[in-house]
Amino acid sequence: DYSLSGLILTLLALLHLAIVSYLSLPILWKFFNAHNDENSRTIEKFIQQSRLRHPNGREKALPYVHNLSIANYYGVFAVMTTSRNEIIIEGYDEGLDKWIPYELKYKPGRLDRAPPFIWPGHLPRLDWFLWFASLRYATWTRMVSLRLLQGSKQIQDVFESNPFPDSPPTLVRMTLYSYTFATPGTKARTGNWWDRVELRPYDKTFRLAPNGTQLLVDRPGYSPRRRSFSSSSDSY
């Protein structure tokens, strides 16, 4: 009978919904309380703590069903950061005696630049990696400094424009800033989309060694020391 089979399927679907909802409760709890629970970064830790505090049926069942991934976080990053730190890359122009920023194609840089739209599926290479680098120091950023000092066309192409079209900069530095959206009043008054506060140097200031394949730490008033990073074959 069709009506009977439909009823059975409906009941099975409701049973499945109830089970998934029941198993999702600890995950939802973890999601909405992640900012207050720095010691529980994974659902596995939460399961262990739950079993110790509340050894009821659900917590006893979780270790057995967790590997089935019936209920899980949505997306790669379940909890996003609440601040926006950006690495600003600058080159030094000796002729003008000033630092000139390299503008990325998508990430914030100039304060008056509106956030751009990105087509789904398009993942800006350097912009995306720099987001991770802003969270934790990454040694590969020194390769970016090296290639900029060498005047590599490959690295220049990932920026919006090349502020040093005639010759590479003599020095390169990276500085970490905290960016926030400008208030409506600030935007109306200045035209800026962003406010920012300088946090600290992201890394040392570098110059190119005489051999053209190594970085030297620039120390004003002192002779440059030996390289801190080098590469003769890698390309960016």
Protein backbone atom coordinates (compact mmCIF):
# COMPACT_ATOMS: atom_id res chain seq x y z
CA ASP A 1 0.00 0.00 0.00
CA TYR A 2 1.47 3.36 -1.07
CA SER A 3 0.07 5.32 1.85
CA LEU A 4 1.52 2.84 4.33
CA SER A 5 4.94 2.89 2.69
CA GLY A 6 4.85 6.70 2.60
CA LEU A 7 3.99 6.78 6.29
CA ILE A 8 6.88 4.44 7.07
CA LEU A 9 9.32 6.60 5.08
CA THR A 10 8.05 9.71 6.84
CA LEU A 11 8.52 8.08 10.24
CA LEU A 12 12.03 6.97 9.30
CA ALA A 13 12.87 10.47 8.11
CA LEU A 14 11.58 11.97 11.37
CA LEU A 15 13.56 9.41 13.35
CA HIS A 16 16.69 10.27 11.40
CA LEU A 17 16.06 13.99 11.99
CA ALA A 18 15.64 13.39 15.72
CA ILE A 19 18.90 11.40 15.91
CA VAL A 20 20.89 13.98 13.97
CA SER A 21 19.44 16.82 16.05
CA TYR A 22 20.27 14.95 19.27
CA LEU A 23 23.85 14.31 18.19
CA SER A 24 24.22 17.90 16.97
CA LEU A 25 23.51 19.47 20.36
CA PRO A 26 27.12 19.30 21.66
CA ILE A 27 28.44 20.58 18.32
CA LEU A 28 26.07 23.54 18.43
CA TRP A 29 27.05 24.19 22.03
CA LYS A 30 30.71 24.15 21.04
CA PHE A 31 30.08 26.46 18.07
CA PHE A 32 28.26 29.17 20.02
CA ASN A 33 30.62 29.01 22.99
CA ALA A 34 33.94 28.66 21.15
CA HIS A 35 35.01 32.23 22.00
CA ASN A 36 34.62 31.43 25.72
CA ASP A 37 36.19 27.99 25.61
CA GLU A 38 39.77 28.36 24.42
CA ASN A 39 40.77 25.04 25.98
CA SER A 40 38.35 23.04 23.82
CA ARG A 41 39.42 23.60 20.23
CA THR A 42 38.15 20.32 18.84
CA ILE A 43 35.00 18.30 19.21
CA GLU A 44 37.12 15.36 20.39
CA LYS A 45 38.26 17.32 23.45
CA PHE A 46 34.71 18.39 24.10
CA ILE A 47 33.57 14.77 23.97
CA GLN A 48 36.19 13.75 26.50
CA GLN A 49 35.28 16.57 28.86
CA SER A 50 31.56 15.90 28.47
CA ARG A 51 31.98 12.25 29.35
CA LEU A 52 33.80 13.20 32.53
CA ARG A 53 31.28 15.86 33.57
CA HIS A 54 28.02 14.35 32.31
CA PRO A 55 28.33 10.63 31.58
CA ASN A 56 24.79 10.27 30.26
CA GLY A 57 23.56 8.34 27.24
CA ARG A 58 24.34 11.00 24.64
CA GLU A 59 27.94 11.56 25.77
CA LYS A 60 28.52 7.83 25.96
CA ALA A 61 27.26 7.41 22.42
CA LEU A 62 29.19 10.31 20.89
CA PRO A 63 32.61 8.59 20.62
CA TYR A 64 31.03 5.77 18.63
CA VAL A 65 29.11 7.93 16.15
CA HIS A 66 31.57 10.82 15.81
CA ASN A 67 33.71 9.02 13.24
CA LEU A 68 30.65 8.57 11.04
CA SER A 69 30.49 12.37 10.59
CA ILE A 70 26.70 12.34 10.85
CA ALA A 71 26.73 15.82 12.40
CA ASN A 72 29.59 18.23 11.92
CA TYR A 73 30.59 21.85 11.49
CA TYR A 74 29.57 23.60 8.30
CA GLY A 75 32.47 24.87 6.20
CA VAL A 76 36.21 24.80 6.61
CA PHE A 77 36.27 27.35 9.44
CA ALA A 78 33.55 26.81 12.01
CA VAL A 79 34.56 29.86 14.04
CA MET A 80 36.08 32.87 12.30
CA THR A 81 38.42 35.43 13.81
CA THR A 82 36.87 38.56 15.32
CA SER A 83 39.66 40.93 14.28
CA ARG A 84 41.25 41.70 10.92
CA ASN A 85 45.02 41.99 10.89
CA GLU A 86 46.63 42.78 7.56
CA ILE A 87 50.24 42.58 6.41
CA ILE A 88 51.23 45.70 4.47
CA ILE A 89 54.23 45.21 2.18
CA GLU A 90 56.31 48.28 1.35
CA GLY A 91 59.37 49.04 -0.73
CA TYR A 92 61.77 51.90 -0.11
CA ASP A 93 62.44 54.42 -2.87
CA GLU A 94 65.82 56.03 -2.26
CA GLY A 95 65.20 58.77 -4.82
CA LEU A 96 61.97 59.87 -3.17
CA ASP A 97 63.20 58.92 0.30
CA LYS A 98 59.94 57.27 1.27
CA TRP A 99 58.23 53.92 1.67
CA ILE A 100 55.74 52.97 -1.05
CA PRO A 101 53.17 50.20 -0.42
CA TYR A 102 52.48 47.30 -2.76
CA GLU A 103 48.71 47.14 -3.17
CA LEU A 104 47.20 43.67 -3.30
CA LYS A 105 44.37 43.01 -5.73
CA TYR A 106 41.77 42.04 -3.15
CA LYS A 107 42.88 42.48 0.47
CA PRO A 108 42.60 45.85 2.23
CA GLY A 109 45.46 48.27 1.77
CA ARG A 110 44.58 51.86 0.93
CA LEU A 111 42.03 53.18 3.39
CA ASP A 112 39.85 54.68 0.65
CA ARG A 113 39.56 51.49 -1.36
CA ALA A 114 36.20 49.70 -1.28
CA PRO A 115 36.15 45.93 -0.69
CA PRO A 116 36.10 44.23 -4.11
CA PHE A 117 33.86 41.43 -5.30
CA ILE A 118 35.39 38.02 -6.01
CA TRP A 119 33.80 35.45 -8.31
CA PRO A 120 32.92 32.16 -6.58
CA GLY A 121 35.68 29.64 -7.07
CA HIS A 122 38.39 32.26 -7.57
CA LEU A 123 41.00 32.06 -4.82
CA PRO A 124 43.55 34.91 -4.94
CA ARG A 125 46.87 33.24 -4.35
CA LEU A 126 48.96 35.70 -2.33
CA ASP A 127 45.97 37.42 -0.72
CA TRP A 128 44.72 34.10 0.64
CA PHE A 129 48.11 33.00 1.99
CA LEU A 130 48.73 36.35 3.66
CA TRP A 131 45.55 35.90 5.69
CA PHE A 132 47.08 32.81 7.29
CA ALA A 133 50.43 34.56 7.66
CA SER A 134 48.79 37.38 9.62
CA LEU A 135 47.59 34.86 12.21
CA ARG A 136 50.99 33.25 12.72
CA TYR A 137 54.43 34.20 11.46
CA ALA A 138 55.26 32.43 8.19
CA THR A 139 58.84 32.11 6.94
CA TRP A 140 57.70 31.93 3.31
CA THR A 141 56.92 35.66 3.44
CA ARG A 142 60.67 36.23 3.20
CA MET A 143 60.57 34.68 -0.24
CA VAL A 144 58.12 37.43 -1.21
CA SER A 145 60.61 40.04 0.04
CA LEU A 146 63.42 38.36 -1.89
CA ARG A 147 61.48 38.26 -5.15
CA LEU A 148 60.40 41.90 -4.81
CA LEU A 149 64.00 42.97 -4.26
CA GLN A 150 65.02 40.94 -7.30
CA GLY A 151 62.31 42.59 -9.42
CA SER A 152 60.69 39.25 -10.30
CA LYS A 153 57.83 39.68 -12.78
CA GLN A 154 56.01 36.64 -11.36
CA ILE A 155 55.62 38.22 -7.93
CA GLN A 156 54.80 41.65 -9.36
CA ASP A 157 51.87 40.19 -11.29
CA VAL A 158 50.00 39.19 -8.13
CA PHE A 159 49.79 42.84 -7.03
CA GLU A 160 47.37 45.44 -8.33
CA SER A 161 50.25 47.46 -9.78
CA ASN A 162 54.02 47.75 -9.60
CA PRO A 163 55.08 50.90 -7.72
CA PHE A 164 58.67 50.33 -8.89
CA PRO A 165 58.38 49.95 -12.69
CA ASP A 166 61.91 51.12 -13.51
CA SER A 167 63.99 49.30 -10.88
CA PRO A 168 63.29 47.19 -7.77
CA PRO A 169 63.23 48.82 -4.33
CA THR A 170 66.41 48.90 -2.28
CA LEU A 171 64.61 47.82 0.90
CA VAL A 172 61.45 45.82 1.65
CA ARG A 173 59.54 45.64 4.90
CA MET A 174 56.27 44.16 6.16
CA THR A 175 54.16 45.77 8.87
CA LEU A 176 51.15 44.33 10.68
CA TYR A 177 48.08 46.56 10.96
CA SER A 178 44.68 46.08 12.54
CA TYR A 179 41.90 47.03 10.11
CA THR A 180 38.30 47.88 10.96
CA PHE A 181 35.49 49.26 8.83
CA ALA A 182 35.17 53.03 9.11
CA THR A 183 32.06 54.36 10.80
CA PRO A 184 29.44 55.98 8.57
CA GLY A 185 30.48 59.38 9.94
CA THR A 186 34.16 58.80 9.19
CA LYS A 187 33.38 57.56 5.69
CA ALA A 188 31.20 60.57 4.96
CA ARG A 189 33.89 62.93 6.23
CA THR A 190 37.02 61.30 4.73
CA GLY A 191 35.77 58.92 2.04
CA ASN A 192 37.70 56.08 3.69
CA TRP A 193 36.25 52.60 3.91
CA TRP A 194 38.76 51.52 6.53
CA ASP A 195 40.43 52.61 9.75
CA ARG A 196 43.68 51.02 10.78
CA VAL A 197 46.13 50.95 13.68
CA GLU A 198 49.76 49.92 13.33
CA LEU A 199 50.52 46.94 15.56
CA ARG A 200 54.16 45.99 14.99
CA PRO A 201 56.72 45.10 12.33
CA TYR A 202 55.85 41.73 10.87
CA ASP A 203 59.48 40.95 10.09
CA LYS A 204 62.85 42.62 9.71
CA THR A 205 63.63 45.14 6.98
CA PHE A 206 65.56 43.44 4.18
CA ARG A 207 67.89 44.46 1.38
CA LEU A 208 69.31 42.31 -1.41
CA ALA A 209 72.78 40.83 -0.94
CA PRO A 210 75.45 41.56 -3.59
CA ASN A 211 75.09 38.05 -5.04
CA GLY A 212 71.43 38.79 -5.83
CA THR A 213 70.06 35.56 -4.30
CA GLN A 214 70.12 36.30 -0.57
CA LEU A 215 68.46 38.60 1.91
CA LEU A 216 70.43 40.82 4.24
CA VAL A 217 68.93 42.36 7.35
CA ASP A 218 69.07 46.12 7.04
CA ARG A 219 70.48 47.67 10.20
CA PRO A 220 70.90 51.44 9.92
CA GLY A 221 74.27 52.52 11.28
CA TYR A 222 75.72 49.00 11.12
CA SER A 223 77.20 46.82 8.42
CA PRO A 224 74.61 44.35 7.10
CA ARG A 225 74.93 40.93 8.62
CA ARG A 226 74.92 37.66 6.80
CA ARG A 227 71.71 36.48 5.18
CA SER A 228 68.79 35.15 7.19
CA PHE A 229 67.11 33.50 4.22
CA SER A 230 68.29 32.48 0.79
CA SER A 231 67.19 30.67 -2.31
CA SER A 232 68.91 30.02 -5.61
CA SER A 233 66.31 27.86 -7.31
CA ASP A 234 62.84 28.45 -5.87
CA SER A 235 60.53 30.73 -7.82
CA TYR A 236 57.34 32.43 -6.76
